[in-house]
Protein backbone atom coordinates (compact mmCIF):
# COMPACT_ATOMS: atom_id res chain seq x y z
CA UNK A 1 0.00 0.00 0.00
CA UNK A 2 1.20 3.50 -0.83
CA UNK A 3 2.02 5.32 2.38
CA UNK A 4 0.56 8.82 2.23
CA UNK A 5 1.03 11.38 4.98
CA UNK A 6 -1.42 14.28 5.09
CA UNK A 7 -0.36 17.31 7.14
CA UNK A 8 -2.97 19.93 8.04
CA UNK A 9 -1.44 23.37 8.54
CA UNK A 10 1.47 21.82 6.70
CA UNK A 11 2.97 25.06 5.39
CA UNK A 12 3.38 26.60 8.83
CA UNK A 13 6.42 26.85 11.08
CA UNK A 14 6.25 23.26 12.31
CA UNK A 15 4.91 21.86 9.05
CA UNK A 16 7.91 23.15 7.14
CA UNK A 17 10.28 21.85 9.82
CA UNK A 18 8.97 18.27 9.54
CA UNK A 19 8.54 18.22 5.76
CA UNK A 20 11.97 16.87 4.80
CA UNK A 21 11.85 14.00 7.30
CA UNK A 22 8.30 13.10 6.26
CA UNK A 23 9.28 13.00 2.59
CA UNK A 24 11.96 10.47 3.51
CA UNK A 25 9.53 8.37 5.56
CA UNK A 26 6.45 8.29 3.30
CA UNK A 27 5.79 7.61 -0.38
CA UNK A 28 3.86 10.86 -0.67
CA UNK A 29 3.34 13.89 1.57
CA UNK A 30 0.43 16.30 1.13
CA UNK A 31 0.08 19.58 3.03
CA UNK A 32 -3.21 21.44 3.42
CA UNK A 33 -2.83 25.07 4.47
CA UNK A 34 -4.78 28.28 3.90
CA UNK A 35 -1.59 30.42 3.98
CA UNK A 36 -3.22 32.80 6.46
CA UNK A 37 -1.68 36.31 6.15
CA UNK A 38 -1.05 36.48 9.92
CA UNK A 39 1.58 33.79 9.34
CA UNK A 40 2.29 33.93 5.61
CA UNK A 41 2.63 37.63 4.84
CA UNK A 42 3.47 37.09 1.16
CA UNK A 43 0.72 34.52 0.63
CA UNK A 44 3.08 32.31 -1.34
CA UNK A 45 4.48 28.83 -0.78
CA UNK A 46 7.18 28.93 1.92
CA UNK A 47 10.69 28.22 0.67
CA UNK A 48 11.26 26.02 3.73
CA UNK A 49 8.54 23.56 2.67
CA UNK A 50 10.23 20.59 1.01
CA UNK A 51 9.72 20.74 -2.79
CA UNK A 52 8.40 17.19 -2.90
CA UNK A 53 5.47 18.07 -0.64
CA UNK A 54 2.25 18.68 -2.56
CA UNK A 55 0.69 21.86 -1.18
CA UNK A 56 -3.07 22.32 -1.39
CA UNK A 57 -4.06 25.87 -0.50
CA UNK A 58 -7.42 25.51 1.19
CA UNK A 59 -9.32 26.06 4.43
CA UNK A 60 -9.74 23.06 6.75
CA UNK A 61 -13.06 24.46 7.99
CA UNK A 62 -14.65 24.18 4.54
CA UNK A 63 -16.46 20.99 3.49
CA UNK A 64 -15.34 21.55 -0.10
CA UNK A 65 -11.70 21.39 1.00
CA UNK A 66 -12.05 17.85 2.26
CA UNK A 67 -14.16 16.74 -0.70
CA UNK A 68 -11.35 17.87 -2.98
CA UNK A 69 -8.44 16.56 -0.90
CA UNK A 70 -9.91 13.13 -0.19
CA UNK A 71 -11.04 12.60 -3.77
CA UNK A 72 -7.35 12.69 -4.73
CA UNK A 73 -5.62 11.19 -1.70
CA UNK A 74 -6.32 8.41 0.80
CA UNK A 75 -3.98 9.23 3.68
CA UNK A 76 -2.57 6.41 5.77
CA UNK A 77 -1.19 8.87 8.34
CA UNK A 78 -2.48 12.32 9.30
CA UNK A 79 -0.47 14.91 11.22
CA UNK A 80 -2.96 17.48 12.47
CA UNK A 81 -1.19 20.82 12.98
CA UNK A 82 -3.83 23.24 11.68
CA UNK A 83 -4.92 25.58 14.48
CA UNK A 84 -5.46 29.16 15.47
CA UNK A 85 -3.04 30.03 18.27
CA UNK A 86 -2.63 32.73 20.90
CA UNK A 87 -4.03 32.59 24.42
CA UNK A 88 -4.80 36.28 24.72
CA UNK A 89 -6.07 36.55 21.17
CA UNK A 90 -8.47 33.65 21.72
CA UNK A 91 -10.31 35.51 24.49
CA UNK A 92 -11.45 38.19 22.04
CA UNK A 93 -11.68 35.98 18.93
CA UNK A 94 -13.22 32.88 20.45
CA UNK A 95 -15.36 32.03 17.42
CA UNK A 96 -12.37 32.12 15.09
CA UNK A 97 -10.42 29.76 17.34
CA UNK A 98 -13.34 27.38 17.82
CA UNK A 99 -14.10 27.40 14.09
CA UNK A 100 -10.61 26.38 13.06
CA UNK A 101 -9.56 24.21 15.98
CA UNK A 102 -12.83 22.41 16.66
CA UNK A 103 -14.93 22.64 13.49
CA UNK A 104 -11.86 22.22 11.28
CA UNK A 105 -11.14 18.96 13.09
CA UNK A 106 -14.70 17.65 12.85
CA UNK A 107 -14.94 18.59 9.16
CA UNK A 108 -11.88 16.45 8.51
CA UNK A 109 -13.27 13.52 10.48
CA UNK A 110 -16.70 13.67 8.84
CA UNK A 111 -15.08 13.67 5.41
CA UNK A 112 -12.87 10.71 6.29
CA UNK A 113 -15.90 8.74 7.44
CA UNK A 114 -17.95 9.73 4.38
CA UNK A 115 -15.15 8.55 2.09
CA UNK A 116 -14.60 5.38 4.13
CA UNK A 117 -11.00 6.32 4.82
CA UNK A 118 -9.54 4.99 8.05
CA UNK A 119 -5.95 6.20 8.48
CA UNK A 120 -3.70 3.83 10.37
CA UNK A 121 -2.41 6.68 12.51
CA UNK A 122 -3.12 10.26 13.51
CA UNK A 123 -0.81 12.64 15.32
CA UNK A 124 -2.16 15.74 17.05
CA UNK A 125 0.05 18.66 17.98
CA UNK A 126 -1.67 19.68 21.18
CA UNK A 127 -0.51 22.34 23.63
CA UNK A 128 0.65 22.91 27.18
CA UNK A 129 -2.27 25.40 27.28
CA UNK A 130 -4.64 22.50 28.01
CA UNK A 131 -3.24 22.35 31.56
CA UNK A 132 -3.96 25.97 32.44
CA UNK A 133 -2.17 26.71 35.72
CA UNK A 134 -1.92 22.99 36.42
CA UNK A 135 -1.16 21.59 39.86
CA UNK A 136 0.20 23.59 42.81
CA UNK A 137 1.27 22.26 46.21
CA UNK A 138 0.86 23.84 49.62
CA UNK A 139 3.45 23.77 52.41
CA UNK A 140 2.17 20.37 53.56
CA UNK A 141 2.47 18.86 50.09
CA UNK A 142 -1.27 18.82 49.44
CA UNK A 143 -2.34 19.16 45.81
CA UNK A 144 -4.40 22.11 44.58
CA UNK A 145 -5.73 23.19 41.19
CA UNK A 146 -6.27 26.93 41.73
CA UNK A 147 -7.56 27.58 38.22
CA UNK A 148 -7.39 30.93 36.49
CA UNK A 149 -5.98 33.98 38.22
CA UNK A 150 -8.76 36.48 38.80
CA UNK A 151 -8.86 39.98 37.38
CA UNK A 152 -8.62 41.31 40.94
CA UNK A 153 -5.42 39.32 41.60
CA UNK A 154 -3.80 40.63 38.45
CA UNK A 155 -4.90 44.23 39.04
CA UNK A 156 -3.32 44.07 42.51
CA UNK A 157 -0.09 42.60 41.18
CA UNK A 158 -0.63 39.31 42.99
CA UNK A 159 1.04 37.12 40.43
CA UNK A 160 1.30 33.82 42.34
CA UNK A 161 -1.28 31.88 44.32
CA UNK A 162 -0.35 32.66 47.90
CA UNK A 163 1.02 29.74 49.91
CA UNK A 164 1.27 27.48 46.87
CA UNK A 165 4.13 26.26 44.65
CA UNK A 166 3.66 25.51 40.96
CA UNK A 167 4.48 21.98 39.77
CA UNK A 168 5.73 20.90 36.32
CA UNK A 169 3.07 19.45 34.04
CA UNK A 170 3.05 15.66 33.71
CA UNK A 171 0.84 14.21 30.98
CA UNK A 172 0.05 11.09 33.00
CA UNK A 173 -0.85 12.93 36.19
CA UNK A 174 -1.66 16.64 35.73
CA UNK A 175 -5.36 17.30 35.27
CA UNK A 176 -6.21 19.44 32.23
CA UNK A 177 -7.78 22.75 33.33
CA UNK A 178 -7.42 25.33 30.54
CA UNK A 179 -7.60 29.04 31.38
CA UNK A 180 -7.92 30.32 27.80
CA UNK A 181 -10.29 29.68 24.90
CA UNK A 182 -7.29 28.48 22.90
CA UNK A 183 -6.42 25.91 25.56
CA UNK A 184 -10.04 24.76 25.72
CA UNK A 185 -10.18 24.22 21.96
CA UNK A 186 -6.93 22.23 22.00
CA UNK A 187 -8.32 20.01 24.74
CA UNK A 188 -11.49 19.62 22.68
CA UNK A 189 -9.34 18.46 19.76
CA UNK A 190 -7.82 15.78 21.98
CA UNK A 191 -11.22 14.54 23.10
CA UNK A 192 -12.79 14.61 19.63
CA UNK A 193 -9.92 12.77 17.97
CA UNK A 194 -9.70 10.26 20.80
CA UNK A 195 -13.38 9.36 20.46
CA UNK A 196 -13.23 9.11 16.65
CA UNK A 197 -10.02 7.13 16.52
CA UNK A 198 -11.25 4.65 19.12
CA UNK A 199 -14.46 4.10 17.16
CA UNK A 200 -12.75 3.68 13.78
CA UNK A 201 -9.68 1.75 14.88
CA UNK A 202 -7.14 4.49 14.15
CA UNK A 203 -4.07 4.91 16.33
CA UNK A 204 -3.81 8.36 17.95
CA UNK A 205 -0.63 9.90 19.29
CA UNK A 206 -0.95 13.25 21.10
CA UNK A 207 1.97 15.59 21.74
CA UNK A 208 1.49 18.50 24.15
CA UNK A 209 4.01 21.07 23.00
CA UNK A 210 5.64 23.61 25.28
CA UNK A 211 6.84 27.02 23.93
CA UNK A 212 8.21 26.25 20.47
CA UNK A 213 10.75 28.63 18.91
CA UNK A 214 13.57 28.70 16.40
CA UNK A 215 14.62 29.58 12.85
CA UNK A 216 11.68 29.64 10.47
CA UNK A 217 9.35 31.23 13.00
CA UNK A 218 7.20 34.05 11.65
CA UNK A 219 8.68 37.48 12.37
CA UNK A 220 5.39 39.22 11.60
CA UNK A 221 2.94 37.20 13.69
CA UNK A 222 2.64 38.72 17.20
CA UNK A 223 1.16 35.48 18.56
CA UNK A 224 3.96 33.06 17.63
CA UNK A 225 5.97 33.60 20.80
CA UNK A 226 8.08 35.96 22.80
CA UNK A 227 11.52 34.68 21.81
CA UNK A 228 11.48 36.24 18.35
CA UNK A 229 9.75 39.36 19.71
CA UNK A 230 12.44 39.84 22.36
CA UNK A 231 15.16 39.30 19.77
CA UNK A 232 13.71 41.95 17.48
CA UNK A 233 13.53 44.50 20.32
CA UNK A 234 17.06 43.81 21.55
CA UNK A 235 18.43 43.88 18.01
CA UNK A 236 16.93 47.37 17.65
CA UNK A 237 18.80 48.44 20.79
CA UNK A 238 15.68 48.59 22.95
CA UNK A 239 15.18 47.43 26.52
CA UNK A 240 12.95 44.34 26.59
CA UNK A 241 9.74 44.97 28.58
CA UNK A 242 8.81 42.21 31.03
CA UNK A 243 5.20 41.59 32.02
CA UNK A 244 4.21 40.94 35.64
CA UNK A 245 7.48 40.66 37.60
CA UNK A 246 9.39 38.77 34.92
CA UNK A 247 9.55 35.64 37.08
CA UNK A 248 7.08 33.58 35.05
CA UNK A 249 8.55 30.19 34.14
CA UNK A 250 8.36 28.63 30.69
CA UNK A 251 9.90 25.64 28.93
CA UNK A 252 11.32 26.82 25.60
CA UNK A 253 11.76 23.91 23.20
CA UNK A 254 13.71 24.26 19.95
CA UNK A 255 11.96 23.64 16.63
CA UNK A 256 14.35 20.85 15.58
CA UNK A 257 13.54 18.89 18.73
CA UNK A 258 9.80 19.40 18.19
CA UNK A 259 10.12 18.24 14.58
CA UNK A 260 11.94 15.10 15.69
CA UNK A 261 9.19 14.35 18.21
CA UNK A 262 6.37 14.77 15.69
CA UNK A 263 8.10 12.63 13.07
CA UNK A 264 8.75 9.97 15.71
CA UNK A 265 5.05 9.98 16.64
CA UNK A 266 4.06 9.78 12.96
CA UNK A 267 6.30 6.81 12.22
CA UNK A 268 6.07 4.91 15.52
CA UNK A 269 4.43 1.51 15.74
CA UNK A 270 3.20 2.45 19.21
CA UNK A 271 -0.41 3.47 19.67
CA UNK A 272 -1.91 5.82 22.23
CA UNK A 273 1.21 7.86 22.92
CA UNK A 274 0.57 10.90 25.12
CA UNK A 275 3.68 13.00 25.61
CA UNK A 276 4.80 16.39 26.90
CA UNK A 277 7.31 17.87 24.47
CA UNK A 278 9.75 20.28 26.09
CA UNK A 279 13.26 20.36 27.45
CA UNK A 280 12.20 19.42 30.97
CA UNK A 281 13.94 22.56 32.23
CA UNK A 282 12.23 25.85 33.03
CA UNK A 283 13.54 29.33 32.36
CA UNK A 284 12.09 32.58 33.69
CA UNK A 285 11.05 35.24 31.19
CA UNK A 286 13.56 37.52 32.90
CA UNK A 287 16.37 35.01 32.30
CA UNK A 288 15.37 34.60 28.66
CA UNK A 289 15.33 38.36 28.13
CA UNK A 290 18.73 38.64 29.80
CA UNK A 291 20.26 36.10 27.42
CA UNK A 292 18.89 37.91 24.38
CA UNK A 293 19.88 41.38 25.65
CA UNK A 294 23.42 40.12 26.19
CA UNK A 295 23.61 38.70 22.66
CA UNK A 296 22.78 42.11 21.16
CA UNK A 297 24.45 44.22 23.87
CA UNK A 298 21.05 45.85 24.44
CA UNK A 299 19.96 47.75 27.57
CA UNK A 300 18.90 45.56 30.50
CA UNK A 301 15.26 44.35 30.42
CA UNK A 302 12.78 46.29 32.54
CA UNK A 303 9.69 45.30 34.53
CA UNK A 304 6.40 46.84 33.39
CA UNK A 305 3.94 45.05 35.74
CA UNK A 306 1.59 44.74 32.76
CA UNK A 307 -0.26 41.46 32.28
CA UNK A 308 -2.43 39.57 29.82
CA UNK A 309 -5.69 37.87 30.75
CA UNK A 310 -5.53 34.16 30.07
CA UNK A 311 -1.77 33.88 30.55
CA UNK A 312 -0.70 31.30 33.10
CA UNK A 313 1.85 32.14 35.77
CA UNK A 314 4.14 29.18 35.21
CA UNK A 315 4.31 26.53 32.48
CA UNK A 316 6.97 23.86 32.54
CA UNK A 317 6.88 20.10 32.16
CA UNK A 318 8.42 16.87 33.34
CA UNK A 319 9.41 14.84 30.27
CA UNK A 320 10.45 11.59 31.99
CA UNK A 321 7.39 9.70 30.74
CA UNK A 322 7.71 11.18 27.24
CA UNK A 323 11.30 10.01 26.89
CA UNK A 324 10.22 6.41 27.34
CA UNK A 325 6.96 6.29 25.38
CA UNK A 326 8.20 8.21 22.35
CA UNK A 327 11.83 7.12 22.21
CA UNK A 328 12.81 10.75 21.78
CA UNK A 329 14.86 13.26 23.73
CA UNK A 330 15.55 17.01 23.29
CA UNK A 331 19.03 17.93 22.12
CA UNK A 332 19.11 21.75 22.13
CA UNK A 333 19.21 23.73 25.39
CA UNK A 334 17.64 27.17 25.61
CA UNK A 335 20.86 29.20 25.53
CA UNK A 336 22.07 27.42 22.39
CA UNK A 337 18.69 27.56 20.70
CA UNK A 338 18.20 31.26 21.37
CA UNK A 339 21.59 32.03 19.83
CA UNK A 340 20.67 30.02 16.75
CA UNK A 341 17.41 31.92 16.40
CA UNK A 342 19.16 35.27 16.80
CA UNK A 343 21.74 34.33 14.17
CA UNK A 344 18.92 33.43 11.79
CA UNK A 345 17.12 36.72 12.48
CA UNK A 346 20.35 38.63 11.84
CA UNK A 347 20.35 37.23 8.31
CA UNK A 348 16.93 38.75 7.62
CA UNK A 349 17.60 42.46 7.91
CA UNK A 350 15.26 43.34 5.04
CA UNK A 351 12.29 41.50 6.45
CA UNK A 352 12.79 43.10 9.84
CA UNK A 353 12.93 46.61 8.37
CA UNK A 354 9.44 46.12 6.90
CA UNK A 355 7.87 45.22 10.28
């Protein structure tokens, strides 16, 4: 049987990063992407997408898209990347996020069923946003799920939950409790795909990605992450502004490591993999900004005490379980990865000048 891999959102940052490895692993690779201007400013095929990947420019939320795609291709593996991102953005554009992330997923599944196509495997790129604030412990070691920080807490500059310590996310133990519309839609994707795949006998592997960054990231999309934003500010000789008190923890995982994890999940014989994809090490936003400011000899970062509704205080993960189930491990630490990203940005002076 011809092995065909279909990648939704396949012309995006991650889709381009996995394209070469997928071409080597499958007989045919097809990417479906609407080339949204928030990500693809030029509206043209990205140069980073492997030339052997067939790109279909279409919207995953449209029934006609799937009628067209599945009349030409019968995928044996599907990598589902297509999604609207941005925690803060999702609070004011909830319909847009639900339409793409939820309806786009169900449109695909309905079309597969209608065409009697049962892929052997699906891979979902989920998000650490499904955890929300996750688990916190009190001084006695008792577990608490404090949920979303209230508007009153944030207005008063009370960034942490008093008397509690944040714990790293663990896919096998941490209860999902999203605090943003985006996180809720990603969790919905997990549930929808799980139910469908169980019913139709398709293997489902779910990867919950931490903060992904690296060369190839959009420099024009304000919702793709703070690493490229900080680099642009420091490169311009500006002091990097830090929200809250700058002590928020994140796990920044390099794009090459993420690509390796997704390809491993797409080619694995294992079924039912659930994995947190990060470095397993947390870095404060203040530390990240300090590294970038030093690279560009920019002024020291400064605290603004501003905040964004929907943002979690800390987000880091324990990857011990993921290392075993996926047979994968991260190779690039944050300091090395940030320098690689900055070097890549430095090569794109013209693009930066147009921002």
